[in-house]
Amino acid sequence: MHLIVLLTIFALAWGLRYSWTEANQNTWSQRWDRTLAIFLLPPLLLFTSAIAIIWMGPHGRMVWVGNDWVSYDLAIGFLGFAGFYLLKLARSGRNMLQQVRTYPTTELSGKTVRILDLPTFYTAQIGFWKPELVITTCSIDTLATEHLEAVLAHEQAHYHYRDTWCFFWLGWIRQITTWLPQTEAMWQELLLLRELRADRWASVQTDPLLVAEALLLVVHNTSVFTENLCTAFSQVAPVDRLNQRIEALLEISDDLDRQLQAIAEGRPRVNERIDTLPGYNLRSWAWSIVALLPLLAVPFHT
């Protein structure tokens, strides 16, 4: 019976991932919530199913059907596989953070940053809950002051939303569910929405056109660290992702111009058309209750 439950959850997880489509016509908030839910719900269902099966054990009966060792071994194997990758990523992240903390520090715009001596543009938050802000000497020497401030504002947004911490866990989920359909496409969508949110934050702190100009200046940058543990301003990305970021920034700029014109003419401010991305709030995680459903099978085991 446990094997039947496990196969049912596997089919459900596969179907959920397969049903996802990139819905560009939706708002940023809707795209974020939908993608995050479908990205996380299948592995969470598999986790709770494995935990429930191990909890009940290989002996006894469930409803009217007996149990066996096959599902029990599969559950242990899946959790062991996931735990192995978690430890591997955590160790890699710790080693990377120790390396970053050997770099010299300086003050930029009131922020302490680590200086990386490289002849390329690179600025990123690297680490876990409290990441280190890293910037290359090329970025400091080449970028104009206003562009550098726009880049730093973008990275401050990643710190505010704890993106390095959250995407460490999302990156772990990505690693252990590569066999599910559309994992990579959904990962790229989450990365894009993360950057759109940081761009939006930076455009409020500085100017959307400055952020767009800075992005174009550093677009040919080469990634230095793994994207699971860092949030670089301009990581290597498909052209369409860059285009979406630039278009969103131009749209924000146009919206601000309309607002200023309305104020100057004494007219009521028009409603903003630009969507803001939500943070990681409890309301957007209401769907996670569904992941607990496999635990309801425990009382039916004897």
C-alpha atoms as a PDB file:
ATOM      1  CA  MET A   1       0.000   0.000   0.000  1.00  0.00           C
ATOM      2  CA  HIS A   2       2.869   2.375   0.781  1.00  0.00           C
ATOM      3  CA  LEU A   3       4.221   1.815  -2.721  1.00  0.00           C
ATOM      4  CA  ILE A   4       0.832   2.767  -4.189  1.00  0.00           C
ATOM      5  CA  VAL A   5       0.829   5.976  -2.139  1.00  0.00           C
ATOM      6  CA  LEU A   6       4.390   6.791  -3.228  1.00  0.00           C
ATOM      7  CA  LEU A   7       3.605   6.214  -6.904  1.00  0.00           C
ATOM      8  CA  THR A   8       0.471   8.349  -6.625  1.00  0.00           C
ATOM      9  CA  ILE A   9       2.426  11.241  -5.106  1.00  0.00           C
ATOM     10  CA  PHE A  10       5.113  10.849  -7.764  1.00  0.00           C
ATOM     11  CA  ALA A  11       2.488  11.045 -10.534  1.00  0.00           C
ATOM     12  CA  LEU A  12       0.940  14.121  -8.889  1.00  0.00           C
ATOM     13  CA  ALA A  13       4.351  15.814  -8.578  1.00  0.00           C
ATOM     14  CA  TRP A  14       5.133  15.083 -12.222  1.00  0.00           C
ATOM     15  CA  GLY A  15       1.745  16.395 -13.340  1.00  0.00           C
ATOM     16  CA  LEU A  16       2.066  19.626 -11.355  1.00  0.00           C
ATOM     17  CA  ARG A  17       5.469  20.426 -12.827  1.00  0.00           C
ATOM     18  CA  TYR A  18       4.322  19.471 -16.326  1.00  0.00           C
ATOM     19  CA  SER A  19       1.305  21.805 -16.079  1.00  0.00           C
ATOM     20  CA  TRP A  20       3.448  24.911 -15.483  1.00  0.00           C
ATOM     21  CA  THR A  21       3.667  27.460 -18.275  1.00  0.00           C
ATOM     22  CA  GLU A  22       5.459  30.785 -18.401  1.00  0.00           C
ATOM     23  CA  ALA A  23       2.548  33.196 -18.068  1.00  0.00           C
ATOM     24  CA  ASN A  24       4.020  36.533 -19.167  1.00  0.00           C
ATOM     25  CA  GLN A  25       0.574  38.090 -19.380  1.00  0.00           C
ATOM     26  CA  ASN A  26       0.191  37.877 -15.593  1.00  0.00           C
ATOM     27  CA  THR A  27       1.505  40.448 -13.136  1.00  0.00           C
ATOM     28  CA  TRP A  28       4.926  39.956 -11.570  1.00  0.00           C
ATOM     29  CA  SER A  29       3.280  39.049  -8.274  1.00  0.00           C
ATOM     30  CA  GLN A  30       1.082  36.384  -9.879  1.00  0.00           C
ATOM     31  CA  ARG A  31       4.005  34.940 -11.827  1.00  0.00           C
ATOM     32  CA  TRP A  32       6.113  34.785  -8.666  1.00  0.00           C
ATOM     33  CA  ASP A  33       3.459  33.113  -6.497  1.00  0.00           C
ATOM     34  CA  ARG A  34       2.455  30.588  -9.164  1.00  0.00           C
ATOM     35  CA  THR A  35       5.996  29.616 -10.139  1.00  0.00           C
ATOM     36  CA  LEU A  36       7.180  29.348  -6.539  1.00  0.00           C
ATOM     37  CA  ALA A  37       4.190  27.189  -5.576  1.00  0.00           C
ATOM     38  CA  ILE A  38       4.577  24.733  -8.467  1.00  0.00           C
ATOM     39  CA  PHE A  39       8.356  24.675  -8.029  1.00  0.00           C
ATOM     40  CA  LEU A  40       8.148  23.739  -4.326  1.00  0.00           C
ATOM     41  CA  LEU A  41       4.925  21.757  -3.901  1.00  0.00           C
ATOM     42  CA  PRO A  42       6.017  18.563  -5.776  1.00  0.00           C
ATOM     43  CA  PRO A  43       9.248  18.060  -3.754  1.00  0.00           C
ATOM     44  CA  LEU A  44       7.454  18.935  -0.515  1.00  0.00           C
ATOM     45  CA  LEU A  45       4.847  16.257  -1.277  1.00  0.00           C
ATOM     46  CA  LEU A  46       7.640  13.769  -1.912  1.00  0.00           C
ATOM     47  CA  PHE A  47       9.353  14.747   1.350  1.00  0.00           C
ATOM     48  CA  THR A  48       6.230  14.381   3.493  1.00  0.00           C
ATOM     49  CA  SER A  49       5.348  11.092   1.770  1.00  0.00           C
ATOM     50  CA  ALA A  50       8.809   9.695   2.491  1.00  0.00           C
ATOM     51  CA  ILE A  51       8.615  10.867   6.115  1.00  0.00           C
ATOM     52  CA  ALA A  52       5.159   9.300   6.529  1.00  0.00           C
ATOM     53  CA  ILE A  53       6.321   5.965   5.071  1.00  0.00           C
ATOM     54  CA  ILE A  54       9.406   5.834   7.311  1.00  0.00           C
ATOM     55  CA  TRP A  55       7.256   6.806  10.302  1.00  0.00           C
ATOM     56  CA  MET A  56       4.819   3.933   9.641  1.00  0.00           C
ATOM     57  CA  GLY A  57       7.594   1.450   8.908  1.00  0.00           C
ATOM     58  CA  PRO A  58       7.664  -1.523   6.507  1.00  0.00           C
ATOM     59  CA  HIS A  59       5.478  -3.801   8.654  1.00  0.00           C
ATOM     60  CA  GLY A  60       1.766  -3.891   9.357  1.00  0.00           C
ATOM     61  CA  ARG A  61      -1.165  -3.067   7.112  1.00  0.00           C
ATOM     62  CA  MET A  62      -2.679   0.078   5.706  1.00  0.00           C
ATOM     63  CA  VAL A  63      -6.464  -0.096   5.209  1.00  0.00           C
ATOM     64  CA  TRP A  64      -6.776  -3.658   3.812  1.00  0.00           C
ATOM     65  CA  VAL A  65      -3.433  -3.950   2.001  1.00  0.00           C
ATOM     66  CA  GLY A  66      -0.148  -5.070   3.482  1.00  0.00           C
ATOM     67  CA  ASN A  67       3.102  -3.100   3.287  1.00  0.00           C
ATOM     68  CA  ASP A  68       6.550  -4.036   2.020  1.00  0.00           C
ATOM     69  CA  TRP A  69      10.190  -2.992   2.160  1.00  0.00           C
ATOM     70  CA  VAL A  70      10.341  -1.540  -1.369  1.00  0.00           C
ATOM     71  CA  SER A  71       8.582   1.735  -0.558  1.00  0.00           C
ATOM     72  CA  TYR A  72      10.420   1.944   2.763  1.00  0.00           C
ATOM     73  CA  ASP A  73      13.803   1.634   1.028  1.00  0.00           C
ATOM     74  CA  LEU A  74      12.793   4.151  -1.638  1.00  0.00           C
ATOM     75  CA  ALA A  75      11.764   6.661   1.026  1.00  0.00           C
ATOM     76  CA  ILE A  76      15.061   6.272   2.898  1.00  0.00           C
ATOM     77  CA  GLY A  77      16.985   6.520  -0.373  1.00  0.00           C
ATOM     78  CA  PHE A  78      15.221   9.726  -1.406  1.00  0.00           C
ATOM     79  CA  LEU A  79      15.780  11.436   1.947  1.00  0.00           C
ATOM     80  CA  GLY A  80      19.395  10.258   2.010  1.00  0.00           C
ATOM     81  CA  PHE A  81      19.956  11.591  -1.516  1.00  0.00           C
ATOM     82  CA  ALA A  82      18.426  14.954  -0.581  1.00  0.00           C
ATOM     83  CA  GLY A  83      20.442  15.157   2.641  1.00  0.00           C
ATOM     84  CA  PHE A  84      23.677  14.390   0.801  1.00  0.00           C
ATOM     85  CA  TYR A  85      23.124  17.268  -1.655  1.00  0.00           C
ATOM     86  CA  LEU A  86      22.163  19.631   1.148  1.00  0.00           C
ATOM     87  CA  LEU A  87      25.402  18.931   3.002  1.00  0.00           C
ATOM     88  CA  LYS A  88      27.372  19.246  -0.236  1.00  0.00           C
ATOM     89  CA  LEU A  89      25.882  22.670  -1.048  1.00  0.00           C
ATOM     90  CA  ALA A  90      26.257  23.887   2.541  1.00  0.00           C
ATOM     91  CA  ARG A  91      29.921  22.880   2.594  1.00  0.00           C
ATOM     92  CA  SER A  92      30.529  24.538  -0.774  1.00  0.00           C
ATOM     93  CA  GLY A  93      28.843  27.712   0.466  1.00  0.00           C
ATOM     94  CA  ARG A  94      30.838  27.756   3.695  1.00  0.00           C
ATOM     95  CA  ASN A  95      34.126  27.362   1.809  1.00  0.00           C
ATOM     96  CA  MET A  96      33.133  30.130  -0.593  1.00  0.00           C
ATOM     97  CA  LEU A  97      32.204  32.476   2.255  1.00  0.00           C
ATOM     98  CA  GLN A  98      35.513  31.781   4.004  1.00  0.00           C
ATOM     99  CA  GLN A  99      37.320  32.646   0.774  1.00  0.00           C
ATOM    100  CA  VAL A 100      35.341  35.885   0.343  1.00  0.00           C
ATOM    101  CA  ARG A 101      36.124  36.981   3.907  1.00  0.00           C
ATOM    102  CA  THR A 102      39.830  36.957   3.090  1.00  0.00           C
ATOM    103  CA  TYR A 103      39.335  39.822   0.621  1.00  0.00           C
ATOM    104  CA  PRO A 104      40.174  43.375   1.796  1.00  0.00           C
ATOM    105  CA  THR A 105      37.303  45.704   2.717  1.00  0.00           C
ATOM    106  CA  THR A 106      36.461  49.315   1.946  1.00  0.00           C
ATOM    107  CA  GLU A 107      33.545  51.735   2.366  1.00  0.00           C
ATOM    108  CA  LEU A 108      31.309  52.596  -0.600  1.00  0.00           C
ATOM    109  CA  SER A 109      28.208  54.774  -0.172  1.00  0.00           C
ATOM    110  CA  GLY A 110      28.200  53.982   3.531  1.00  0.00           C
ATOM    111  CA  LYS A 111      28.396  50.202   2.958  1.00  0.00           C
ATOM    112  CA  THR A 112      31.247  47.849   3.781  1.00  0.00           C
ATOM    113  CA  VAL A 113      32.253  45.908   0.684  1.00  0.00           C
ATOM    114  CA  ARG A 114      34.849  43.252  -0.114  1.00  0.00           C
ATOM    115  CA  ILE A 115      37.253  44.116  -2.942  1.00  0.00           C
ATOM    116  CA  LEU A 116      37.953  41.451  -5.555  1.00  0.00           C
ATOM    117  CA  ASP A 117      40.902  42.285  -7.807  1.00  0.00           C
ATOM    118  CA  LEU A 118      39.608  41.255 -11.235  1.00  0.00           C
ATOM    119  CA  PRO A 119      39.618  43.053 -14.622  1.00  0.00           C
ATOM    120  CA  THR A 120      35.892  42.511 -15.140  1.00  0.00           C
ATOM    121  CA  PHE A 121      32.612  43.983 -13.898  1.00  0.00           C
ATOM    122  CA  TYR A 122      31.180  42.060 -10.971  1.00  0.00           C
ATOM    123  CA  THR A 123      29.096  43.024  -7.948  1.00  0.00           C
ATOM    124  CA  ALA A 124      27.244  40.474  -5.806  1.00  0.00           C
ATOM    125  CA  GLN A 125      25.938  39.480  -2.415  1.00  0.00           C
ATOM    126  CA  ILE A 126      27.590  36.166  -1.511  1.00  0.00           C
ATOM    127  CA  GLY A 127      26.698  33.948   1.435  1.00  0.00           C
ATOM    128  CA  PHE A 128      23.661  32.803   3.359  1.00  0.00           C
ATOM    129  CA  TRP A 129      21.523  34.812   5.830  1.00  0.00           C
ATOM    130  CA  LYS A 130      24.061  37.643   6.227  1.00  0.00           C
ATOM    131  CA  PRO A 131      25.949  37.717   2.928  1.00  0.00           C
ATOM    132  CA  GLU A 132      29.067  39.671   2.075  1.00  0.00           C
ATOM    133  CA  LEU A 133      28.901  42.377  -0.609  1.00  0.00           C
ATOM    134  CA  VAL A 134      31.698  41.787  -3.145  1.00  0.00           C
ATOM    135  CA  ILE A 135      32.764  44.189  -5.897  1.00  0.00           C
ATOM    136  CA  THR A 136      35.659  44.066  -8.349  1.00  0.00           C
ATOM    137  CA  THR A 137      38.257  46.777  -8.774  1.00  0.00           C
ATOM    138  CA  CYS A 138      37.152  47.101 -12.399  1.00  0.00           C
ATOM    139  CA  SER A 139      33.634  48.061 -11.306  1.00  0.00           C
ATOM    140  CA  ILE A 140      34.929  50.701  -8.885  1.00  0.00           C
ATOM    141  CA  ASP A 141      37.415  52.199 -11.332  1.00  0.00           C
ATOM    142  CA  THR A 142      35.198  52.134 -14.447  1.00  0.00           C
ATOM    143  CA  LEU A 143      31.615  52.830 -13.399  1.00  0.00           C
ATOM    144  CA  ALA A 144      30.510  56.422 -12.841  1.00  0.00           C
ATOM    145  CA  THR A 145      29.473  57.287  -9.288  1.00  0.00           C
ATOM    146  CA  GLU A 146      25.743  57.357 -10.108  1.00  0.00           C
ATOM    147  CA  HIS A 147      25.916  54.001 -11.904  1.00  0.00           C
ATOM    148  CA  LEU A 148      27.860  52.462  -9.046  1.00  0.00           C
ATOM    149  CA  GLU A 149      25.237  53.686  -6.578  1.00  0.00           C
ATOM    150  CA  ALA A 150      22.507  52.129  -8.722  1.00  0.00           C
ATOM    151  CA  VAL A 151      24.346  48.792  -8.712  1.00  0.00           C
ATOM    152  CA  LEU A 152      24.832  48.937  -4.927  1.00  0.00           C
ATOM    153  CA  ALA A 153      21.135  49.779  -4.458  1.00  0.00           C
ATOM    154  CA  HIS A 154      20.244  46.708  -6.510  1.00  0.00           C
ATOM    155  CA  GLU A 155      22.416  44.496  -4.317  1.00  0.00           C
ATOM    156  CA  GLN A 156      20.947  46.089  -1.182  1.00  0.00           C
ATOM    157  CA  ALA A 157      17.537  44.877  -2.387  1.00  0.00           C
ATOM    158  CA  HIS A 158      18.861  41.311  -2.461  1.00  0.00           C
ATOM    159  CA  TYR A 159      20.070  41.768   1.118  1.00  0.00           C
ATOM    160  CA  HIS A 160      16.684  43.160   2.184  1.00  0.00           C
ATOM    161  CA  TYR A 161      14.801  40.183   0.742  1.00  0.00           C
ATOM    162  CA  ARG A 162      17.437  37.671   1.970  1.00  0.00           C
ATOM    163  CA  ASP A 163      17.694  36.334  -1.567  1.00  0.00           C
ATOM    164  CA  THR A 164      20.995  34.541  -0.969  1.00  0.00           C
ATOM    165  CA  TRP A 165      19.451  32.566   1.899  1.00  0.00           C
ATOM    166  CA  CYS A 166      16.194  31.782   0.082  1.00  0.00           C
ATOM    167  CA  PHE A 167      17.859  30.845  -3.196  1.00  0.00           C
ATOM    168  CA  PHE A 168      20.310  28.580  -1.414  1.00  0.00           C
ATOM    169  CA  TRP A 169      17.319  26.431  -0.448  1.00  0.00           C
ATOM    170  CA  LEU A 170      15.621  26.844  -3.816  1.00  0.00           C
ATOM    171  CA  GLY A 171      18.890  25.874  -5.492  1.00  0.00           C
ATOM    172  CA  TRP A 172      18.997  22.736  -3.361  1.00  0.00           C
ATOM    173  CA  ILE A 173      15.463  21.863  -4.484  1.00  0.00           C
ATOM    174  CA  ARG A 174      16.547  22.453  -8.064  1.00  0.00           C
ATOM    175  CA  GLN A 175      19.463  20.027  -7.668  1.00  0.00           C
ATOM    176  CA  ILE A 176      17.384  17.173  -6.272  1.00  0.00           C
ATOM    177  CA  THR A 177      14.440  17.578  -8.684  1.00  0.00           C
ATOM    178  CA  THR A 178      16.251  17.914 -12.009  1.00  0.00           C
ATOM    179  CA  TRP A 179      14.453  14.730 -13.087  1.00  0.00           C
ATOM    180  CA  LEU A 180      11.061  16.453 -12.819  1.00  0.00           C
ATOM    181  CA  PRO A 181       9.851  18.271 -15.952  1.00  0.00           C
ATOM    182  CA  GLN A 182      10.537  21.995 -16.451  1.00  0.00           C
ATOM    183  CA  THR A 183      12.782  22.333 -13.411  1.00  0.00           C
ATOM    184  CA  GLU A 184      15.348  24.456 -15.239  1.00  0.00           C
ATOM    185  CA  ALA A 185      12.727  26.645 -16.941  1.00  0.00           C
ATOM    186  CA  MET A 186      11.077  27.396 -13.586  1.00  0.00           C
ATOM    187  CA  TRP A 187      14.461  28.097 -11.992  1.00  0.00           C
ATOM    188  CA  GLN A 188      15.243  30.651 -14.706  1.00  0.00           C
ATOM    189  CA  GLU A 189      11.822  32.253 -14.176  1.00  0.00           C
ATOM    190  CA  LEU A 190      12.478  32.615 -10.440  1.00  0.00           C
ATOM    191  CA  LEU A 191      15.897  34.144 -11.130  1.00  0.00           C
ATOM    192  CA  LEU A 192      14.330  36.649 -13.524  1.00  0.00           C
ATOM    193  CA  LEU A 193      11.601  37.644 -11.078  1.00  0.00           C
ATOM    194  CA  ARG A 194      14.185  37.997  -8.312  1.00  0.00           C
ATOM    195  CA  GLU A 195      16.178  40.409 -10.471  1.00  0.00           C
ATOM    196  CA  LEU A 196      13.059  42.343 -11.519  1.00  0.00           C
ATOM    197  CA  ARG A 197      12.225  42.857  -7.870  1.00  0.00           C
ATOM    198  CA  ALA A 198      15.753  44.078  -7.067  1.00  0.00           C
ATOM    199  CA  ASP A 199      15.693  46.376 -10.114  1.00  0.00           C
ATOM    200  CA  ARG A 200      12.405  47.828  -8.905  1.00  0.00           C
ATOM    201  CA  TRP A 201      13.872  48.455  -5.452  1.00  0.00           C
ATOM    202  CA  ALA A 202      16.982  50.118  -6.923  1.00  0.00           C
ATOM    203  CA  SER A 203      14.912  52.306  -9.250  1.00  0.00           C
ATOM    204  CA  VAL A 204      13.062  53.725  -6.239  1.00  0.00           C
ATOM    205  CA  GLN A 205      16.333  54.407  -4.391  1.00  0.00           C
ATOM    206  CA  THR A 206      18.085  55.999  -7.386  1.00  0.00           C
ATOM    207  CA  ASP A 207      16.614  56.248 -10.898  1.00  0.00           C
ATOM    208  CA  PRO A 208      15.304  53.502 -13.218  1.00  0.00           C
ATOM    209  CA  LEU A 209      17.263  54.827 -16.194  1.00  0.00           C
ATOM    210  CA  LEU A 210      20.494  54.743 -14.186  1.00  0.00           C
ATOM    211  CA  VAL A 211      19.815  51.107 -13.278  1.00  0.00           C
ATOM    212  CA  ALA A 212      19.131  50.278 -16.934  1.00  0.00           C
ATOM    213  CA  GLU A 213      22.310  52.052 -18.074  1.00  0.00           C
ATOM    214  CA  ALA A 214      24.396  50.268 -15.439  1.00  0.00           C
ATOM    215  CA  LEU A 215      22.902  46.950 -16.496  1.00  0.00           C
ATOM    216  CA  LEU A 216      23.838  47.553 -20.133  1.00  0.00           C
ATOM    217  CA  LEU A 217      27.365  48.573 -19.134  1.00  0.00           C
ATOM    218  CA  VAL A 218      28.066  45.346 -17.248  1.00  0.00           C
ATOM    219  CA  VAL A 219      25.965  42.914 -19.289  1.00  0.00           C
ATOM    220  CA  HIS A 220      29.007  41.154 -20.763  1.00  0.00           C
ATOM    221  CA  ASN A 221      30.187  40.166 -17.302  1.00  0.00           C
ATOM    222  CA  THR A 222      31.220  36.564 -16.646  1.00  0.00           C
ATOM    223  CA  SER A 223      29.847  34.843 -13.542  1.00  0.00           C
ATOM    224  CA  VAL A 224      32.476  34.303 -10.852  1.00  0.00           C
ATOM    225  CA  PHE A 225      30.521  32.297  -8.258  1.00  0.00           C
ATOM    226  CA  THR A 226      27.662  29.827  -8.385  1.00  0.00           C
ATOM    227  CA  GLU A 227      24.236  31.474  -8.590  1.00  0.00           C
ATOM    228  CA  ASN A 228      22.881  29.273  -5.777  1.00  0.00           C
ATOM    229  CA  LEU A 229      24.853  31.266  -3.209  1.00  0.00           C
ATOM    230  CA  CYS A 230      25.167  34.705  -4.759  1.00  0.00           C
ATOM    231  CA  THR A 231      23.009  37.410  -6.313  1.00  0.00           C
ATOM    232  CA  ALA A 232      25.120  39.159  -8.935  1.00  0.00           C
ATOM    233  CA  PHE A 233      23.841  42.340 -10.580  1.00  0.00           C
ATOM    234  CA  SER A 234      24.516  40.990 -14.073  1.00  0.00           C
ATOM    235  CA  GLN A 235      24.888  37.245 -14.124  1.00  0.00           C
ATOM    236  CA  VAL A 236      25.193  35.472 -17.451  1.00  0.00           C
ATOM    237  CA  ALA A 237      21.608  35.265 -18.707  1.00  0.00           C
ATOM    238  CA  PRO A 238      19.631  34.647 -21.891  1.00  0.00           C
ATOM    239  CA  VAL A 239      19.039  37.737 -24.019  1.00  0.00           C
ATOM    240  CA  ASP A 240      15.283  37.624 -23.442  1.00  0.00           C
ATOM    241  CA  ARG A 241      15.810  37.879 -19.670  1.00  0.00           C
ATOM    242  CA  LEU A 242      17.975  40.972 -20.117  1.00  0.00           C
ATOM    243  CA  ASN A 243      15.380  42.478 -22.455  1.00  0.00           C
ATOM    244  CA  GLN A 244      12.624  41.939 -19.897  1.00  0.00           C
ATOM    245  CA  ARG A 245      14.653  43.691 -17.211  1.00  0.00           C
ATOM    246  CA  ILE A 246      15.406  46.669 -19.461  1.00  0.00           C
ATOM    247  CA  GLU A 247      11.784  46.940 -20.618  1.00  0.00           C
ATOM    248  CA  ALA A 248      10.536  46.805 -17.032  1.00  0.00           C
ATOM    249  CA  LEU A 249      12.924  49.594 -16.001  1.00  0.00           C
ATOM    250  CA  LEU A 250      11.849  51.765 -18.949  1.00  0.00           C
ATOM    251  CA  GLU A 251       8.225  51.163 -18.027  1.00  0.00           C
ATOM    252  CA  ILE A 252       8.932  52.249 -14.450  1.00  0.00           C
ATOM    253  CA  SER A 253      10.631  55.398 -15.767  1.00  0.00           C
ATOM    254  CA  ASP A 254       7.656  56.222 -18.006  1.00  0.00           C
ATOM    255  CA  ASP A 255       5.269  55.714 -15.119  1.00  0.00           C
ATOM    256  CA  LEU A 256       7.276  58.055 -12.870  1.00  0.00           C
ATOM    257  CA  ASP A 257       7.295  60.698 -15.621  1.00  0.00           C
ATOM    258  CA  ARG A 258       3.505  60.515 -15.871  1.00  0.00           C
ATOM    259  CA  GLN A 259       3.200  60.868 -12.117  1.00  0.00           C
ATOM    260  CA  LEU A 260       5.444  63.948 -12.062  1.00  0.00           C
ATOM    261  CA  GLN A 261       3.595  65.520 -14.987  1.00  0.00           C
ATOM    262  CA  ALA A 262       0.251  64.972 -13.269  1.00  0.00           C
ATOM    263  CA  ILE A 263       1.545  66.620 -10.088  1.00  0.00           C
ATOM    264  CA  ALA A 264       2.982  69.590 -12.051  1.00  0.00           C
ATOM    265  CA  GLU A 265      -0.348  70.132 -13.801  1.00  0.00           C
ATOM    266  CA  GLY A 266      -2.293  69.866 -10.565  1.00  0.00           C
ATOM    267  CA  ARG A 267      -4.135  66.737 -11.696  1.00  0.00           C
ATOM    268  CA  PRO A 268      -4.768  63.705  -9.444  1.00  0.00           C
ATOM    269  CA  ARG A 269      -2.020  61.140  -9.632  1.00  0.00           C
ATOM    270  CA  VAL A 270      -2.800  58.301 -11.996  1.00  0.00           C
ATOM    271  CA  ASN A 271      -2.715  54.758 -10.694  1.00  0.00           C
ATOM    272  CA  GLU A 272       0.661  53.096 -11.079  1.00  0.00           C
ATOM    273  CA  ARG A 273       0.759  50.334 -13.686  1.00  0.00           C
ATOM    274  CA  ILE A 274       3.990  48.809 -12.472  1.00  0.00           C
ATOM    275  CA  ASP A 275       3.639  45.720 -10.333  1.00  0.00           C
ATOM    276  CA  THR A 276       5.795  45.281  -7.266  1.00  0.00           C
ATOM    277  CA  LEU A 277       7.003  41.839  -6.341  1.00  0.00           C
ATOM    278  CA  PRO A 278       5.992  40.574  -2.917  1.00  0.00           C
ATOM    279  CA  GLY A 279       8.371  39.488  -0.214  1.00  0.00           C
ATOM    280  CA  TYR A 280       8.406  36.043   1.337  1.00  0.00           C
ATOM    281  CA  ASN A 281       5.180  36.338   3.332  1.00  0.00           C
ATOM    282  CA  LEU A 282       3.039  33.719   5.038  1.00  0.00           C
ATOM    283  CA  ARG A 283      -0.048  34.450   2.936  1.00  0.00           C
ATOM    284  CA  SER A 284       1.744  33.492  -0.277  1.00  0.00           C
ATOM    285  CA  TRP A 285       2.644  30.146   1.345  1.00  0.00           C
ATOM    286  CA  ALA A 286      -0.932  29.046   2.081  1.00  0.00           C
ATOM    287  CA  TRP A 287      -0.649  26.362  -0.602  1.00  0.00           C
ATOM    288  CA  SER A 288       2.030  24.581   1.459  1.00  0.00           C
ATOM    289  CA  ILE A 289      -0.717  23.080   3.658  1.00  0.00           C
ATOM    290  CA  VAL A 290      -1.397  20.686   0.755  1.00  0.00           C
ATOM    291  CA  ALA A 291       2.085  19.235   1.245  1.00  0.00           C
ATOM    292  CA  LEU A 292       0.998  17.875   4.643  1.00  0.00           C
ATOM    293  CA  LEU A 293      -1.707  15.637   3.130  1.00  0.00           C
ATOM    294  CA  PRO A 294       0.495  12.468   2.973  1.00  0.00           C
ATOM    295  CA  LEU A 295       0.839  12.623   6.780  1.00  0.00           C
ATOM    296  CA  LEU A 296      -2.917  12.003   7.039  1.00  0.00           C
ATOM    297  CA  ALA A 297      -2.253   8.410   5.965  1.00  0.00           C
ATOM    298  CA  VAL A 298      -0.408   7.656   9.235  1.00  0.00           C
ATOM    299  CA  PRO A 299      -3.563   6.993  11.347  1.00  0.00           C
ATOM    300  CA  PHE A 300      -4.723   4.372   8.800  1.00  0.00           C
ATOM    301  CA  HIS A 301      -1.617   2.255   9.383  1.00  0.00           C
ATOM    302  CA  THR A 302      -1.886  -0.619  11.841  1.00  0.00           C
END
